C-alpha atoms as a PDB file:
ATOM      1  CA  MET A   1    -218.988 116.771 -30.302  1.00  0.00           C
ATOM      2  CA  GLU A   2    -223.129 116.693 -30.471  1.00  0.00           C
ATOM      3  CA  ILE A   3    -224.935 113.562 -28.938  1.00  0.00           C
ATOM      4  CA  ARG A   4    -227.238 112.154 -31.180  1.00  0.00           C
ATOM      5  CA  GLN A   5    -230.243 111.910 -29.347  1.00  0.00           C
ATOM      6  CA  PRO A   6    -232.512 108.619 -30.698  1.00  0.00           C
ATOM      7  CA  THR A   7    -235.231 109.357 -32.227  1.00  0.00           C
ATOM      8  CA  SER A   8    -237.872 105.755 -32.131  1.00  0.00           C
ATOM      9  CA  ALA A   9    -239.598 103.858 -29.811  1.00  0.00           C
ATOM     10  CA  LEU A  10    -237.027 100.770 -30.937  1.00  0.00           C
ATOM     11  CA  GLU A  11    -233.646 103.184 -29.687  1.00  0.00           C
ATOM     12  CA  VAL A  12    -235.449 104.478 -26.585  1.00  0.00           C
ATOM     13  CA  HIS A  13    -236.064 101.313 -24.588  1.00  0.00           C
ATOM     14  CA  GLN A  14    -232.353 100.066 -26.521  1.00  0.00           C
ATOM     15  CA  HIS A  15    -230.549 103.168 -24.352  1.00  0.00           C
ATOM     16  CA  MET A  16    -232.827 102.097 -22.085  1.00  0.00           C
ATOM     17  CA  VAL A  17    -231.931  98.660 -21.563  1.00  0.00           C
ATOM     18  CA  CYS A  18    -227.772  99.261 -22.796  1.00  0.00           C
ATOM     19  CA  SER A  19    -227.407 102.040 -19.957  1.00  0.00           C
ATOM     20  CA  LEU A  20    -228.939  98.928 -17.357  1.00  0.00           C
ATOM     21  CA  GLN A  21    -225.353  97.934 -17.636  1.00  0.00           C
ATOM     22  CA  LYS A  22    -226.377  94.173 -15.727  1.00  0.00           C
ATOM     23  CA  GLN A  23    -227.960  90.896 -17.812  1.00  0.00           C
ATOM     24  CA  ASP A  24    -230.988  90.816 -15.359  1.00  0.00           C
ATOM     25  CA  PRO A  25    -231.939  93.879 -13.725  1.00  0.00           C
ATOM     26  CA  VAL A  26    -235.145  94.439 -12.400  1.00  0.00           C
ATOM     27  CA  ILE A  27    -237.732  96.777 -13.862  1.00  0.00           C
ATOM     28  CA  LEU A  28    -240.239  98.396 -12.943  1.00  0.00           C
ATOM     29  CA  ASP A  29    -242.558  99.761 -15.412  1.00  0.00           C
ATOM     30  CA  ILE A  30    -245.485 101.731 -13.141  1.00  0.00           C
ATOM     31  CA  GLY A  31    -248.665 103.187 -15.294  1.00  0.00           C
ATOM     32  CA  CYS A  32    -247.402 101.019 -17.937  1.00  0.00           C
ATOM     33  CA  TYR A  33    -250.875 101.043 -19.778  1.00  0.00           C
ATOM     34  CA  ASP A  34    -251.076  98.293 -22.586  1.00  0.00           C
ATOM     35  CA  GLY A  35    -247.669  97.096 -21.853  1.00  0.00           C
ATOM     36  CA  ALA A  36    -246.304  97.799 -25.293  1.00  0.00           C
ATOM     37  CA  ASP A  37    -243.129  99.307 -24.089  1.00  0.00           C
ATOM     38  CA  SER A  38    -242.023  96.616 -20.992  1.00  0.00           C
ATOM     39  CA  LEU A  39    -242.144  94.094 -23.940  1.00  0.00           C
ATOM     40  CA  HIS A  40    -240.093  95.618 -26.024  1.00  0.00           C
ATOM     41  CA  CYS A  41    -237.393  96.216 -22.568  1.00  0.00           C
ATOM     42  CA  LEU A  42    -237.898  92.156 -21.907  1.00  0.00           C
ATOM     43  CA  ARG A  43    -237.679  91.007 -25.391  1.00  0.00           C
ATOM     44  CA  LEU A  44    -234.419  93.198 -25.410  1.00  0.00           C
ATOM     45  CA  CYS A  45    -233.216  92.070 -21.614  1.00  0.00           C
ATOM     46  CA  PRO A  46    -235.112  88.352 -21.680  1.00  0.00           C
ATOM     47  CA  GLU A  47    -233.481  87.743 -17.693  1.00  0.00           C
ATOM     48  CA  ALA A  48    -234.961  91.360 -16.669  1.00  0.00           C
ATOM     49  CA  GLN A  49    -237.434  90.598 -13.663  1.00  0.00           C
ATOM     50  CA  LEU A  50    -240.473  93.161 -15.447  1.00  0.00           C
ATOM     51  CA  TYR A  51    -242.342  94.722 -12.768  1.00  0.00           C
ATOM     52  CA  TRP A  52    -245.492  96.236 -14.148  1.00  0.00           C
ATOM     53  CA  PHE A  53    -248.415  98.295 -13.155  1.00  0.00           C
ATOM     54  CA  GLU A  54    -250.991 100.140 -14.119  1.00  0.00           C
ATOM     55  CA  PRO A  55    -253.424 101.547 -11.980  1.00  0.00           C
ATOM     56  CA  ASP A  56    -256.412 103.237 -14.130  1.00  0.00           C
ATOM     57  CA  PRO A  57    -256.328 100.321 -17.576  1.00  0.00           C
ATOM     58  CA  PRO A  58    -257.359 101.187 -20.483  1.00  0.00           C
ATOM     59  CA  GLY A  59    -261.599  99.931 -21.078  1.00  0.00           C
ATOM     60  CA  ARG A  60    -262.337 100.029 -17.603  1.00  0.00           C
ATOM     61  CA  LEU A  61    -265.952 101.015 -17.065  1.00  0.00           C
ATOM     62  CA  LEU A  62    -265.821 104.620 -15.130  1.00  0.00           C
ATOM     63  CA  ALA A  63    -268.507 104.806 -12.039  1.00  0.00           C
END
């Protein structure tokens, strides 16, 4: 049997959330860039505790 791979960002997020098998997981998004992926996960799993970190925020002035 062939396992179908997710083809869109939404399918990837749905697969990740379903794999957690918890309604209130703790999700760490390290290197979240603009937070779009984190927000997708939070929409799919609104009870999650979400922590996101971006060490190099977009638009930061370079010294």
